[in-house]
Amino acid sequence: MYPLNPFPSRLTSRKARPNKSQKWFTQVFLIGLTLVFTGIVNLQCSDTNEDSLDALVTKVPNPKTLRNSWVEDSAGVLTDTSVIDQMINAEESASGLEIAVVTLPTIGSYVPKDFAVALFNYWKIGKKEKDNGILVLHIIDQRRVEIEIGYGLEGDLPDAIVKRIIDTYTIPAFKADNFQKGHADTVAALINKINHPEIPVEALLTNATANFDLTDVGSEPTDSDENVAAKRTNVYDYQGKAYVDLSPEEKQILDQTIELYNTTPNFFLNDEESRLLNEKFAESERIEKEESFQFKTTFILGYLGIFLFLNLFQRIIVWLTPSPTAKYHIVHKTDFILYYGLAISPLVITITLLSVYLGEALFPVSIFLIIASIVVYFFFFGDHRMQKLKARLQTIRNIPRTCKHCGSTMTKLSEEADNKHLSAGQISEEIVNSVDYDVWVCQSCKNHSIFKFRNISPEYIYKGTSFPKIKVCPECKFETFVCKSSRVLSEATYSSSGKVEVRRNCAHCKHHVTEYETIPKKQKSSSGSGGGLGLM
């Protein structure tokens, strides 16, 4: 919306940024899933009745044009938008900061992160020369809040800080069904953190309200401040102890003192209490790092243990299974995940160990390691897995079979000799390499058995889709319907599906037809830029 462009325009559109504060576990998990399931094709259906993302964004009511407000409460969850407007207007007048708060009941099946980026770009929030806009987007049915930060504010509000603000002020109020307080506190915390970066996130607001003026923080104490401090009669003497040496009772007294008097950083605390507060923060960080290291060590050992166990378990099951055909299908269905689960284990271990030392810098390093690993693997070992799998499956197919009629050992015929037992359609399937048949003959009773094995690495017309180059012919029912040519009529985007034209001829019955396949819409990551979290 914003047809009159109340937000000053930019020369370039804002694009989504990778969330640098993604937890190491999420990165490793997603890396594992991406590589393990690469090549597994998913048929995605596009909803032709759902508006495109861009079209849906334009339908969001324009609060600035409609009523000169920064708040659009389409979900009807706020009780007093004027409180939020007053804070934003005051800050916009003082520094030029622009904050838009939007609540929507639903955005359909779209990812809140994508919607936030699209709305941020469409409204062009922030001054052109400063890029200092913020969008707070709340999606009710998905129980998600996304905070999109302009590039000009990344130094003041990095992703880790925004996430802590959401954890500290947004989610607790939302869980208590107090959306008014949650949004008001969130806006106040964002403004105060920009103006006073030295203040810890947990101390941004007074008594968890959104209307405390922090403009005097860091200035010399006034007479009124001294009078407030002089009224304290419950000062406890910690006798110069370090925080780690305090007794449980003394730690409880310190916590109660901080809760009562540390409404702004160290403003109502004496020197000893301030020292102990800083030591408490340091001790908490040390414990968190220690627990994180222990968890990561357990994760690595657990990851290796699970895949080693599953590989061993698969071999035991295959060994105990009497039927060669059943052995074949067990290996065929499970080898991919088990093989790549172990193949990427060095990458998983490396990224996990680096997360101990790199912190937020892990994201670009992990992306480089992933790309480098993929290049190295496919350059040196690209065919290794498929050759190994084919050899193992061929060994299983050659296991001697017993005749069901007389119990004698059967003989496997050669590829040339078995054709006399196959139909013309089956021979055509072997010629186009969609299916391979094994024929076993009993020399005693002359009984024969035919076993069908599909190609273990079928090709596809369009990468990332489920359009096989060879499929079952609708006329003769043999898997001989071959793609002779294809061309993309329209590329898929993040907001709309594409289309590909496929010309097929049957290698057996010569049936031919032109088909049109739908290319699913591209999918984006749901990670929040600046902090997007589930609310419950």
Protein backbone atom coordinates (compact mmCIF):
# COMPACT_ATOMS: atom_id res chain seq x y z
CA MET A 1 0.00 0.00 0.00
CA TYR A 2 1.35 3.47 0.91
CA PRO A 3 0.46 4.90 -2.53
CA LEU A 4 1.45 8.39 -1.38
CA ASN A 5 4.73 6.96 -0.13
CA PRO A 6 4.69 8.27 3.46
CA PHE A 7 7.87 6.30 4.09
CA PRO A 8 10.66 7.96 2.03
CA SER A 9 11.68 5.71 -0.83
CA ARG A 10 15.01 4.03 -1.35
CA LEU A 11 16.92 3.66 -4.56
CA THR A 12 17.38 -0.06 -4.00
CA SER A 13 15.03 -2.61 -2.50
CA ARG A 14 15.90 -4.35 0.73
CA LYS A 15 16.62 -8.03 0.43
CA ALA A 16 16.38 -10.74 3.03
CA ARG A 17 19.56 -11.30 5.04
CA PRO A 18 20.77 -14.56 6.52
CA ASN A 19 20.12 -14.77 10.24
CA LYS A 20 23.62 -14.64 11.71
CA SER A 21 22.38 -15.64 15.15
CA GLN A 22 21.06 -19.04 14.11
CA LYS A 23 21.96 -21.58 16.72
CA TRP A 24 24.75 -24.01 15.80
CA PHE A 25 22.43 -26.96 16.32
CA THR A 26 19.89 -25.64 13.83
CA GLN A 27 22.66 -25.12 11.28
CA VAL A 28 24.07 -28.60 11.71
CA PHE A 29 20.63 -30.17 11.64
CA LEU A 30 19.61 -28.34 8.47
CA ILE A 31 22.94 -29.14 6.84
CA GLY A 32 22.44 -32.81 7.61
CA LEU A 33 18.90 -32.85 6.28
CA THR A 34 19.89 -30.95 3.14
CA LEU A 35 22.71 -33.29 2.19
CA VAL A 36 21.07 -36.52 3.34
CA PHE A 37 17.90 -35.91 1.39
CA THR A 38 19.49 -34.33 -1.71
CA GLY A 39 18.10 -36.13 -4.72
CA ILE A 40 14.89 -37.24 -3.01
CA VAL A 41 12.12 -35.72 -5.12
CA ASN A 42 9.04 -34.13 -3.55
CA LEU A 43 5.85 -33.52 -5.53
CA GLN A 44 4.61 -30.10 -4.42
CA CYS A 45 1.15 -28.94 -5.29
CA SER A 46 0.52 -25.24 -5.89
CA ASP A 47 -2.68 -23.69 -4.59
CA THR A 48 -4.13 -21.87 -7.58
CA ASN A 49 -6.76 -20.22 -5.38
CA GLU A 50 -4.24 -18.54 -3.04
CA ASP A 51 -3.07 -15.01 -3.77
CA SER A 52 0.60 -14.54 -4.60
CA LEU A 53 2.83 -13.21 -1.84
CA ASP A 54 3.19 -9.81 -3.51
CA ALA A 55 -0.57 -9.54 -4.06
CA LEU A 56 -1.28 -10.46 -0.43
CA VAL A 57 1.17 -7.82 0.82
CA THR A 58 -0.61 -5.09 -1.12
CA LYS A 59 -3.87 -5.96 0.67
CA VAL A 60 -2.50 -5.04 4.10
CA PRO A 61 -4.32 -1.82 5.18
CA ASN A 62 -2.21 1.30 5.20
CA PRO A 63 -2.34 2.86 8.72
CA LYS A 64 -0.24 5.87 7.74
CA THR A 65 -2.53 6.82 4.87
CA LEU A 66 -5.77 5.88 6.57
CA ARG A 67 -5.26 7.52 9.98
CA ASN A 68 -1.65 8.77 10.19
CA SER A 69 -0.72 5.89 12.49
CA TRP A 70 2.25 3.54 12.71
CA VAL A 71 0.10 0.63 13.90
CA GLU A 72 -2.11 -1.66 11.80
CA ASP A 73 -4.06 -3.98 14.13
CA SER A 74 -5.95 -6.06 11.55
CA ALA A 75 -6.07 -8.94 14.04
CA GLY A 76 -7.82 -6.77 16.66
CA VAL A 77 -5.54 -7.84 19.54
CA LEU A 78 -4.41 -4.38 20.74
CA THR A 79 -6.42 -2.38 23.26
CA ASP A 80 -4.74 1.02 22.84
CA THR A 81 -2.69 1.65 19.71
CA SER A 82 -2.23 5.31 20.70
CA VAL A 83 0.31 4.31 23.36
CA ILE A 84 2.50 2.68 20.73
CA ASP A 85 1.93 5.52 18.28
CA GLN A 86 3.04 8.10 20.85
CA MET A 87 6.33 6.29 21.48
CA ILE A 88 7.08 5.89 17.77
CA ASN A 89 6.08 9.48 16.92
CA ALA A 90 8.28 10.86 19.70
CA GLU A 91 11.28 8.83 18.54
CA GLU A 92 10.64 9.60 14.87
CA SER A 93 10.63 13.32 15.65
CA ALA A 94 13.85 13.03 17.67
CA SER A 95 15.97 10.69 15.54
CA GLY A 96 14.01 9.86 12.37
CA LEU A 97 13.54 6.22 13.40
CA GLU A 98 10.49 4.63 11.78
CA ILE A 99 8.74 1.61 13.31
CA ALA A 100 5.68 -0.07 11.82
CA VAL A 101 3.69 -2.52 13.97
CA VAL A 102 1.37 -4.90 12.12
CA THR A 103 -0.89 -7.66 13.45
CA LEU A 104 -2.60 -9.96 10.95
CA PRO A 105 -4.97 -12.87 11.65
CA THR A 106 -3.41 -14.97 8.86
CA ILE A 107 -1.17 -14.88 5.80
CA GLY A 108 -2.32 -18.25 4.49
CA SER A 109 0.46 -20.77 3.92
CA TYR A 110 3.20 -18.20 3.42
CA VAL A 111 6.26 -18.07 5.67
CA PRO A 112 6.12 -15.10 8.13
CA LYS A 113 9.77 -14.25 7.42
CA ASP A 114 9.11 -13.95 3.66
CA PHE A 115 5.99 -11.89 4.29
CA ALA A 116 7.88 -9.55 6.64
CA VAL A 117 10.63 -8.94 4.07
CA ALA A 118 8.08 -8.33 1.29
CA LEU A 119 6.03 -5.92 3.45
CA PHE A 120 9.17 -4.11 4.62
CA ASN A 121 10.27 -3.61 1.02
CA TYR A 122 6.79 -2.65 -0.20
CA TRP A 123 6.28 0.00 2.47
CA LYS A 124 9.94 1.13 2.25
CA ILE A 125 10.15 1.69 5.99
CA GLY A 126 12.96 3.99 7.12
CA LYS A 127 14.63 7.16 5.91
CA LYS A 128 16.30 6.84 2.52
CA GLU A 129 19.67 8.16 3.67
CA LYS A 130 19.67 6.17 6.95
CA ASP A 131 17.82 2.91 6.15
CA ASN A 132 16.60 3.05 9.76
CA GLY A 133 13.27 1.25 9.56
CA ILE A 134 11.86 -1.51 11.75
CA LEU A 135 8.85 -3.75 11.07
CA VAL A 136 7.22 -5.74 13.89
CA LEU A 137 4.94 -8.33 12.26
CA HIS A 138 2.64 -10.56 14.36
CA ILE A 139 0.82 -13.46 12.64
CA ILE A 140 -1.92 -14.79 14.92
CA ASP A 141 -2.77 -18.20 13.42
CA GLN A 142 0.90 -19.18 13.04
CA ARG A 143 1.76 -17.82 16.53
CA ARG A 144 4.80 -16.06 15.08
CA VAL A 145 6.38 -12.66 15.47
CA GLU A 146 8.97 -11.34 13.02
CA ILE A 147 11.08 -8.22 13.55
CA GLU A 148 12.65 -6.96 10.33
CA ILE A 149 15.55 -4.53 10.79
CA GLY A 150 16.87 -2.04 8.20
CA TYR A 151 20.53 -2.25 7.23
CA GLY A 152 21.26 1.06 8.90
CA LEU A 153 20.27 -0.36 12.31
CA GLU A 154 22.13 -3.67 12.13
CA GLY A 155 24.96 -2.32 14.27
CA ASP A 156 22.55 -1.11 16.95
CA LEU A 157 20.19 -4.10 16.79
CA PRO A 158 22.04 -7.26 15.75
CA ASP A 159 19.99 -10.43 15.45
CA ALA A 160 21.11 -11.76 18.83
CA ILE A 161 19.91 -8.61 20.61
CA VAL A 162 16.54 -8.62 18.83
CA LYS A 163 16.01 -12.27 19.73
CA ARG A 164 16.71 -11.49 23.40
CA ILE A 165 14.24 -8.60 23.29
CA ILE A 166 11.59 -10.98 21.93
CA ASP A 167 12.43 -13.57 24.58
CA THR A 168 12.42 -10.99 27.38
CA TYR A 169 9.47 -8.74 26.54
CA THR A 170 7.37 -10.09 23.68
CA ILE A 171 6.84 -13.77 24.39
CA PRO A 172 6.13 -13.58 28.17
CA ALA A 173 3.38 -11.00 27.59
CA PHE A 174 1.95 -12.93 24.62
CA LYS A 175 1.83 -16.14 26.65
CA ALA A 176 -0.22 -14.24 29.22
CA ASP A 177 -2.58 -13.17 26.40
CA ASN A 178 -1.55 -9.55 26.91
CA PHE A 179 -0.73 -8.59 23.33
CA GLN A 180 -1.01 -4.86 24.10
CA LYS A 181 1.74 -5.06 26.71
CA GLY A 182 3.87 -7.35 24.54
CA HIS A 183 3.88 -4.98 21.56
CA ALA A 184 4.24 -1.83 23.66
CA ASP A 185 7.15 -3.28 25.64
CA THR A 186 8.80 -4.57 22.47
CA VAL A 187 8.66 -1.16 20.76
CA ALA A 188 9.92 0.58 23.91
CA ALA A 189 12.77 -1.91 24.30
CA LEU A 190 13.83 -1.48 20.65
CA ILE A 191 13.86 2.32 20.98
CA ASN A 192 15.70 2.28 24.31
CA LYS A 193 18.32 -0.19 23.07
CA ILE A 194 19.08 2.02 20.05
CA ASN A 195 19.41 5.11 22.25
CA HIS A 196 21.26 3.37 25.10
CA PRO A 197 23.30 0.43 23.73
CA GLU A 198 25.17 0.15 27.02
CA ILE A 199 22.05 -1.02 28.86
CA PRO A 200 21.57 -4.81 29.15
CA VAL A 201 18.45 -6.11 27.43
CA GLU A 202 16.96 -7.32 30.69
CA ALA A 203 17.20 -3.79 32.16
CA LEU A 204 15.74 -1.80 29.25
CA LEU A 205 12.35 -1.16 30.88
CA THR A 206 11.23 -0.14 34.34
CA ASN A 207 8.95 -2.72 35.96
CA ALA A 208 8.44 -4.25 32.51
CA THR A 209 6.52 -1.17 31.27
CA ALA A 210 7.08 0.69 28.04
CA ASN A 211 7.02 4.29 29.22
CA PHE A 212 10.23 4.77 31.27
CA ASP A 213 12.45 7.65 30.18
CA LEU A 214 16.06 6.52 30.00
CA THR A 215 17.46 9.77 28.72
CA ASP A 216 19.28 10.47 31.98
CA VAL A 217 20.96 7.05 32.33
CA GLY A 218 24.68 7.50 32.77
CA SER A 219 24.40 11.10 33.99
CA GLU A 220 25.39 12.27 37.43
CA PRO A 221 22.92 11.29 40.21
CA THR A 222 20.48 14.04 41.10
CA ASP A 223 19.35 14.98 44.57
CA SER A 224 16.20 12.99 44.06
CA ASP A 225 18.27 9.95 43.11
CA GLU A 226 20.34 10.29 46.28
CA ASN A 227 17.16 10.59 48.32
CA VAL A 228 15.83 7.40 46.81
CA ALA A 229 19.08 5.60 47.50
CA ALA A 230 19.15 7.00 51.05
CA LYS A 231 15.79 5.44 51.75
CA ARG A 232 17.25 1.95 51.40
CA THR A 233 17.47 0.28 54.80
CA ASN A 234 17.96 -3.32 53.67
CA VAL A 235 21.55 -3.13 52.42
CA TYR A 236 23.22 -6.50 53.02
CA ASP A 237 26.95 -6.78 53.76
CA TYR A 238 28.47 -9.44 51.51
CA GLN A 239 31.87 -8.99 53.18
CA GLY A 240 33.72 -8.61 49.90
CA LYS A 241 32.98 -12.18 48.75
CA ALA A 242 33.10 -13.17 45.09
CA TYR A 243 29.78 -14.21 43.58
CA VAL A 244 30.82 -17.87 43.36
CA ASP A 245 31.59 -17.86 47.08
CA LEU A 246 28.17 -16.61 48.16
CA SER A 247 25.93 -19.00 50.02
CA PRO A 248 22.54 -19.96 48.51
CA GLU A 249 20.86 -17.63 50.99
CA GLU A 250 23.13 -14.73 50.01
CA LYS A 251 22.52 -15.36 46.32
CA GLN A 252 18.80 -15.28 46.98
CA ILE A 253 19.17 -11.94 48.83
CA LEU A 254 21.20 -10.56 45.89
CA ASP A 255 18.59 -11.69 43.38
CA GLN A 256 15.82 -10.06 45.36
CA THR A 257 17.85 -6.84 45.63
CA ILE A 258 18.48 -6.78 41.89
CA GLU A 259 14.81 -7.39 41.15
CA LEU A 260 13.77 -4.53 43.43
CA TYR A 261 16.39 -1.89 42.70
CA ASN A 262 18.17 -2.64 39.42
CA THR A 263 15.44 -1.13 37.24
CA THR A 264 18.17 0.66 35.27
CA PRO A 265 21.73 -0.65 35.19
CA ASN A 266 23.26 -0.29 38.66
CA PHE A 267 21.21 2.89 39.28
CA PHE A 268 19.88 1.86 42.67
CA LEU A 269 22.64 -0.63 43.55
CA ASN A 270 25.69 0.13 45.66
CA ASP A 271 29.20 -0.64 44.44
CA GLU A 272 29.38 -4.09 46.01
CA GLU A 273 26.01 -5.12 44.60
CA SER A 274 27.01 -3.83 41.17
CA ARG A 275 30.23 -5.85 41.31
CA LEU A 276 28.36 -9.00 42.30
CA LEU A 277 25.81 -8.40 39.51
CA ASN A 278 28.60 -8.25 36.91
CA GLU A 279 30.20 -11.37 38.39
CA LYS A 280 26.82 -13.11 38.23
CA PHE A 281 26.52 -12.33 34.51
CA ALA A 282 30.06 -13.60 33.92
CA GLU A 283 29.39 -16.79 35.88
CA SER A 284 26.16 -17.40 33.97
CA GLU A 285 27.99 -17.05 30.66
CA ARG A 286 30.70 -19.45 31.84
CA ILE A 287 28.14 -22.06 32.89
CA GLU A 288 26.24 -21.62 29.63
CA LYS A 289 29.42 -22.16 27.58
CA GLU A 290 30.34 -25.21 29.64
CA GLU A 291 26.88 -26.74 29.26
CA SER A 292 26.90 -25.91 25.55
CA PHE A 293 30.24 -27.68 25.09
CA GLN A 294 29.00 -30.75 26.93
CA PHE A 295 25.83 -30.81 24.86
CA LYS A 296 27.76 -30.48 21.61
CA THR A 297 30.08 -33.31 22.63
CA THR A 298 27.06 -35.48 23.39
CA PHE A 299 25.52 -34.49 20.07
CA ILE A 300 28.60 -35.56 18.09
CA LEU A 301 28.88 -38.88 19.88
CA GLY A 302 25.14 -39.45 19.57
CA TYR A 303 25.14 -38.60 15.85
CA LEU A 304 27.97 -41.02 15.08
CA GLY A 305 26.49 -43.67 17.37
CA ILE A 306 23.05 -43.52 15.74
CA PHE A 307 24.32 -43.89 12.18
CA LEU A 308 26.86 -46.58 13.07
CA PHE A 309 24.11 -48.49 14.85
CA LEU A 310 21.66 -48.08 11.96
CA ASN A 311 24.24 -49.28 9.42
CA LEU A 312 25.02 -52.32 11.58
CA PHE A 313 21.32 -52.94 12.23
CA GLN A 314 20.58 -52.82 8.49
CA ARG A 315 23.24 -55.44 7.75
CA ILE A 316 21.91 -57.72 10.49
CA ILE A 317 18.35 -57.44 9.14
CA VAL A 318 19.56 -58.13 5.60
CA TRP A 319 21.55 -61.12 6.82
CA LEU A 320 18.54 -62.56 8.69
CA THR A 321 16.07 -61.99 5.83
CA PRO A 322 15.73 -65.24 3.83
CA SER A 323 14.32 -63.83 0.58
CA PRO A 324 16.87 -62.28 -1.84
CA THR A 325 14.12 -60.02 -3.21
CA ALA A 326 13.31 -58.73 0.28
CA LYS A 327 17.04 -58.20 0.94
CA TYR A 328 17.26 -56.18 -2.26
CA HIS A 329 14.39 -53.85 -1.37
CA ILE A 330 15.64 -53.30 2.20
CA VAL A 331 19.06 -52.20 0.95
CA HIS A 332 17.58 -50.15 -1.90
CA LYS A 333 15.25 -48.19 0.40
CA THR A 334 17.67 -47.53 3.28
CA ASP A 335 21.14 -47.25 1.74
CA PHE A 336 20.84 -43.62 0.66
CA ILE A 337 20.17 -42.14 4.11
CA LEU A 338 22.57 -44.44 5.95
CA TYR A 339 25.42 -43.87 3.51
CA TYR A 340 25.17 -40.09 3.41
CA GLY A 341 24.54 -39.93 7.15
CA LEU A 342 28.07 -41.26 7.65
CA ALA A 343 29.52 -39.48 4.60
CA ILE A 344 28.70 -36.04 6.00
CA SER A 345 29.74 -36.88 9.57
CA PRO A 346 33.17 -35.16 9.18
CA LEU A 347 31.37 -31.98 8.07
CA VAL A 348 28.88 -32.16 10.96
CA ILE A 349 31.68 -32.70 13.48
CA THR A 350 33.79 -29.88 12.05
CA ILE A 351 30.98 -27.32 12.13
CA THR A 352 29.92 -28.41 15.63
CA LEU A 353 33.46 -27.99 16.98
CA LEU A 354 33.92 -24.63 15.24
CA SER A 355 30.70 -23.37 16.86
CA VAL A 356 32.47 -23.50 20.22
CA TYR A 357 34.96 -20.85 19.11
CA LEU A 358 33.29 -18.86 16.35
CA GLY A 359 29.84 -18.06 17.78
CA GLU A 360 27.88 -15.86 15.39
CA ALA A 361 30.73 -15.94 12.84
CA LEU A 362 29.95 -19.63 12.32
CA PHE A 363 27.24 -18.96 9.73
CA PRO A 364 29.43 -17.72 6.84
CA VAL A 365 32.13 -20.26 7.72
CA SER A 366 29.62 -23.12 7.72
CA ILE A 367 28.22 -22.02 4.35
CA PHE A 368 31.75 -22.05 2.90
CA LEU A 369 32.44 -25.50 4.38
CA ILE A 370 29.20 -26.89 2.96
CA ILE A 371 29.90 -25.62 -0.54
CA ALA A 372 33.54 -26.74 -0.41
CA SER A 373 32.54 -30.20 0.85
CA ILE A 374 29.97 -30.64 -1.92
CA VAL A 375 32.50 -29.62 -4.59
CA VAL A 376 35.21 -31.90 -3.21
CA TYR A 377 32.84 -34.82 -2.76
CA PHE A 378 31.35 -34.75 -6.24
CA PHE A 379 34.73 -34.04 -7.87
CA PHE A 380 36.54 -36.95 -6.26
CA PHE A 381 33.79 -39.30 -5.04
CA GLY A 382 30.76 -38.44 -7.18
CA ASP A 383 30.14 -41.95 -8.46
CA HIS A 384 31.43 -43.81 -5.43
CA ARG A 385 28.13 -44.24 -3.62
CA MET A 386 26.16 -45.29 -6.72
CA GLN A 387 28.82 -47.77 -7.84
CA LYS A 388 29.01 -49.23 -4.35
CA LEU A 389 25.22 -49.54 -4.12
CA LYS A 390 24.91 -51.11 -7.57
CA ALA A 391 27.59 -53.66 -6.73
CA ARG A 392 25.91 -54.59 -3.44
CA LEU A 393 22.47 -54.88 -5.03
CA GLN A 394 23.86 -56.98 -7.88
CA THR A 395 25.45 -59.34 -5.36
CA ILE A 396 22.06 -59.74 -3.65
CA ARG A 397 20.33 -60.36 -6.99
CA ASN A 398 22.82 -63.15 -7.75
CA ILE A 399 22.10 -65.05 -4.51
CA PRO A 400 20.95 -68.57 -5.59
CA ARG A 401 17.19 -69.08 -5.42
CA THR A 402 15.23 -72.21 -4.59
CA CYS A 403 12.48 -73.51 -6.85
CA LYS A 404 9.09 -73.23 -5.15
CA HIS A 405 7.83 -76.35 -6.94
CA CYS A 406 10.56 -78.93 -6.44
CA GLY A 407 12.96 -77.26 -4.02
CA SER A 408 15.95 -77.49 -6.38
CA THR A 409 18.49 -74.69 -6.81
CA MET A 410 17.63 -72.50 -9.77
CA THR A 411 19.97 -71.03 -12.38
CA LYS A 412 20.03 -67.38 -13.43
CA LEU A 413 19.94 -66.84 -17.20
CA SER A 414 22.15 -64.32 -18.96
CA GLU A 415 20.76 -61.06 -20.32
CA GLU A 416 20.66 -62.57 -23.82
CA ALA A 417 19.14 -65.89 -22.79
CA ASP A 418 16.40 -64.48 -20.60
CA ASN A 419 14.74 -62.56 -23.47
CA LYS A 420 12.86 -65.65 -24.66
CA HIS A 421 10.97 -65.64 -21.34
CA LEU A 422 10.13 -61.92 -21.52
CA SER A 423 7.34 -60.19 -23.41
CA ALA A 424 8.03 -57.58 -26.06
CA GLY A 425 7.04 -54.83 -23.62
CA GLN A 426 9.42 -56.13 -20.96
CA ILE A 427 12.23 -56.25 -23.50
CA SER A 428 11.45 -52.65 -24.45
CA GLU A 429 11.69 -51.66 -20.76
CA GLU A 430 15.18 -53.22 -20.61
CA ILE A 431 16.20 -51.43 -23.81
CA VAL A 432 15.27 -47.97 -22.46
CA ASN A 433 16.88 -48.92 -19.12
CA SER A 434 13.84 -48.17 -16.96
CA VAL A 435 13.52 -51.75 -15.66
CA ASP A 436 15.86 -54.76 -15.55
CA TYR A 437 14.52 -58.32 -15.35
CA ASP A 438 16.20 -61.40 -13.89
CA VAL A 439 14.99 -64.81 -15.07
CA TRP A 440 15.76 -67.90 -12.96
CA VAL A 441 15.15 -71.39 -14.35
CA CYS A 442 14.90 -74.69 -12.47
CA GLN A 443 16.88 -77.37 -14.33
CA SER A 444 14.87 -80.13 -12.67
CA CYS A 445 11.25 -79.14 -13.31
CA LYS A 446 11.93 -76.45 -15.94
CA ASN A 447 9.89 -73.94 -13.92
CA HIS A 448 11.05 -70.32 -14.29
CA SER A 449 10.57 -67.12 -12.27
CA ILE A 450 10.86 -63.53 -13.43
CA PHE A 451 11.96 -60.77 -11.03
CA LYS A 452 11.54 -57.07 -11.81
CA PHE A 453 14.08 -54.45 -10.67
CA ARG A 454 13.62 -50.74 -11.33
CA ASN A 455 16.48 -48.43 -12.23
CA ILE A 456 17.95 -47.28 -8.90
CA SER A 457 18.95 -43.84 -10.24
CA PRO A 458 16.18 -42.57 -12.55
CA GLU A 459 16.68 -39.30 -14.39
CA TYR A 460 14.28 -36.37 -14.19
CA ILE A 461 13.23 -33.80 -16.76
CA TYR A 462 13.54 -30.74 -14.56
CA LYS A 463 15.83 -30.57 -11.55
CA GLY A 464 14.02 -30.43 -8.22
CA THR A 465 10.75 -31.89 -9.57
CA SER A 466 9.19 -35.33 -9.86
CA PHE A 467 8.92 -35.44 -13.66
CA PRO A 468 10.77 -38.65 -14.63
CA LYS A 469 12.24 -38.92 -18.11
CA ILE A 470 10.65 -42.37 -18.38
CA LYS A 471 7.28 -43.32 -16.93
CA VAL A 472 4.46 -45.84 -17.43
CA CYS A 473 2.73 -45.57 -20.81
CA PRO A 474 -1.02 -44.95 -20.40
CA GLU A 475 -1.74 -47.21 -23.40
CA CYS A 476 0.41 -50.35 -23.05
CA LYS A 477 1.11 -49.99 -19.29
CA PHE A 478 4.83 -50.66 -19.70
CA GLU A 479 7.45 -48.28 -18.30
CA THR A 480 8.49 -47.17 -21.77
CA PHE A 481 6.94 -43.70 -22.07
CA VAL A 482 10.13 -41.75 -22.86
CA CYS A 483 10.65 -37.98 -22.86
CA LYS A 484 11.90 -37.01 -26.32
CA SER A 485 12.08 -33.27 -25.66
CA SER A 486 11.09 -30.68 -23.06
CA ARG A 487 11.19 -26.94 -22.64
CA VAL A 488 10.41 -24.61 -19.78
CA LEU A 489 7.49 -22.34 -20.65
CA SER A 490 7.70 -20.29 -17.44
CA GLU A 491 10.18 -20.39 -14.58
CA ALA A 492 9.00 -20.96 -11.00
CA THR A 493 9.43 -18.05 -8.59
CA TYR A 494 8.90 -17.60 -4.84
CA SER A 495 5.40 -16.31 -5.48
CA SER A 496 4.19 -18.39 -8.43
CA SER A 497 4.65 -21.83 -9.97
CA GLY A 498 6.13 -22.50 -13.41
CA LYS A 499 5.29 -24.76 -16.32
CA VAL A 500 7.29 -27.18 -18.51
CA GLU A 501 6.22 -28.75 -21.82
CA VAL A 502 7.12 -32.44 -22.25
CA ARG A 503 6.88 -34.47 -25.49
CA ARG A 504 6.74 -38.22 -24.89
CA ASN A 505 6.88 -41.27 -27.17
CA CYS A 506 6.36 -44.88 -26.06
CA ALA A 507 9.28 -47.10 -27.06
CA HIS A 508 6.93 -50.11 -27.17
CA CYS A 509 3.51 -49.16 -28.58
CA LYS A 510 4.62 -45.85 -30.19
CA HIS A 511 1.92 -43.87 -28.37
CA HIS A 512 2.89 -40.17 -28.22
CA VAL A 513 1.52 -37.10 -26.49
CA THR A 514 2.50 -33.60 -25.35
CA GLU A 515 2.13 -33.02 -21.59
CA TYR A 516 2.36 -29.93 -19.43
CA GLU A 517 3.81 -30.28 -15.95
CA THR A 518 3.66 -27.71 -13.14
CA ILE A 519 6.94 -26.63 -11.54
CA PRO A 520 6.33 -25.97 -7.82
CA LYS A 521 7.00 -22.55 -6.35
CA LYS A 522 10.43 -21.98 -4.86
CA GLN A 523 10.60 -22.21 -1.10
CA LYS A 524 12.48 -19.85 1.23
CA SER A 525 13.90 -20.49 4.68
CA SER A 526 11.64 -19.59 7.61
CA SER A 527 14.46 -18.24 9.75
CA GLY A 528 13.64 -14.77 11.06
CA SER A 529 15.83 -11.80 10.14
CA GLY A 530 16.47 -9.87 13.28
CA GLY A 531 14.47 -12.33 15.35
CA GLY A 532 11.46 -14.38 14.42
CA LEU A 533 10.18 -16.83 17.00
CA GLY A 534 7.23 -19.07 17.71
CA LEU A 535 5.21 -17.54 20.49
CA MET A 536 4.40 -20.66 22.44
